[in-house]
Amino acid sequence: MAPECQLFGTLGCHLCEVAEAVLMPLVEHGLQVELVDIANDERWYQAYSLRIPVLRRTDTGAELGWPFSADDVVAFLR
């Protein structure tokens, strides 16, 4: 089973929408992704405001920064 992930982004972020589209086929195959709006937490905003979108594994804390492809995500999850 694939690890759970968080996608850090915010509303109105075009790149975040593109990242969600990249992840959608993987979600349809069982990847669990929590969308985290960095505007809801000052710590997240400070950590990610200049880097979104960022995909983070919840099991290891490893992060994959944008830009990424579906192939990049599959390799990241191995």
Protein backbone atom coordinates (compact mmCIF):
# COMPACT_ATOMS: atom_id res chain seq x y z
CA MET A 1 0.00 0.00 0.00
CA ALA A 2 1.28 3.47 -0.88
CA PRO A 3 2.10 5.83 1.97
CA GLU A 4 -0.28 8.65 2.76
CA CYS A 5 0.76 12.10 1.61
CA GLN A 6 -0.09 15.73 2.15
CA LEU A 7 -0.13 18.27 -0.65
CA PHE A 8 0.69 21.71 0.70
CA GLY A 9 -0.83 24.56 -1.29
CA THR A 10 -3.48 27.25 -1.09
CA LEU A 11 -6.61 28.42 -2.88
CA GLY A 12 -5.98 30.32 -6.07
CA CYS A 13 -2.57 28.74 -6.65
CA HIS A 14 -2.46 27.69 -10.31
CA LEU A 15 0.56 25.42 -9.80
CA CYS A 16 -1.24 23.71 -6.91
CA GLU A 17 -4.16 22.95 -9.23
CA VAL A 18 -1.74 21.50 -11.79
CA ALA A 19 -0.12 19.38 -9.07
CA GLU A 20 -3.54 18.06 -8.03
CA ALA A 21 -4.19 17.08 -11.65
CA VAL A 22 -0.85 15.24 -11.78
CA LEU A 23 -1.78 13.34 -8.60
CA MET A 24 -5.36 12.48 -9.60
CA PRO A 25 -4.53 9.29 -11.58
CA LEU A 26 -2.47 8.05 -8.63
CA VAL A 27 -5.32 8.85 -6.23
CA GLU A 28 -7.62 6.82 -8.46
CA HIS A 29 -5.21 3.90 -7.94
CA GLY A 30 -5.23 4.17 -4.14
CA LEU A 31 -2.84 6.96 -3.18
CA GLN A 32 -4.25 8.92 -0.26
CA VAL A 33 -3.51 12.64 -0.43
CA GLU A 34 -4.66 15.21 2.12
CA LEU A 35 -4.88 18.72 0.69
CA VAL A 36 -3.40 21.14 3.22
CA ASP A 37 -4.12 24.86 2.82
CA ILE A 38 -1.09 26.69 4.18
CA ALA A 39 -3.23 29.79 4.83
CA ASN A 40 -4.82 27.94 7.76
CA ASP A 41 -1.65 27.68 9.85
CA GLU A 42 1.14 30.22 10.34
CA ARG A 43 3.78 27.45 10.66
CA TRP A 44 2.77 25.95 7.32
CA TYR A 45 2.68 29.38 5.73
CA GLN A 46 6.18 30.19 6.95
CA ALA A 47 7.53 26.81 5.84
CA TYR A 48 5.84 26.52 2.44
CA SER A 49 4.67 29.91 1.14
CA LEU A 50 7.57 30.29 -1.30
CA ARG A 51 7.69 26.62 -2.29
CA ILE A 52 4.12 25.44 -2.94
CA PRO A 53 3.02 23.03 -4.14
CA VAL A 54 4.95 20.52 -2.02
CA LEU A 55 4.07 16.84 -1.65
CA ARG A 56 5.02 15.41 1.77
CA ARG A 57 5.03 11.79 2.88
CA THR A 58 3.37 11.45 6.28
CA ASP A 59 5.37 8.35 7.18
CA THR A 60 8.88 9.75 6.65
CA GLY A 61 8.37 13.50 6.32
CA ALA A 62 10.22 13.43 2.98
CA GLU A 63 9.16 16.20 0.61
CA LEU A 64 8.90 16.45 -3.16
CA GLY A 65 8.90 20.00 -4.45
CA TRP A 66 7.32 21.30 -7.59
CA PRO A 67 7.71 20.67 -10.46
CA PHE A 68 7.00 16.94 -10.42
CA SER A 69 5.48 14.44 -12.81
CA ALA A 70 3.48 11.30 -12.05
CA ASP A 71 6.69 9.29 -12.64
CA ASP A 72 8.53 11.49 -10.13
CA VAL A 73 5.80 10.84 -7.56
CA VAL A 74 5.91 7.07 -8.11
CA ALA A 75 9.70 7.09 -7.62
CA PHE A 76 9.29 9.31 -4.52
CA LEU A 77 6.85 6.83 -2.98
CA ARG A 78 9.14 3.81 -3.41
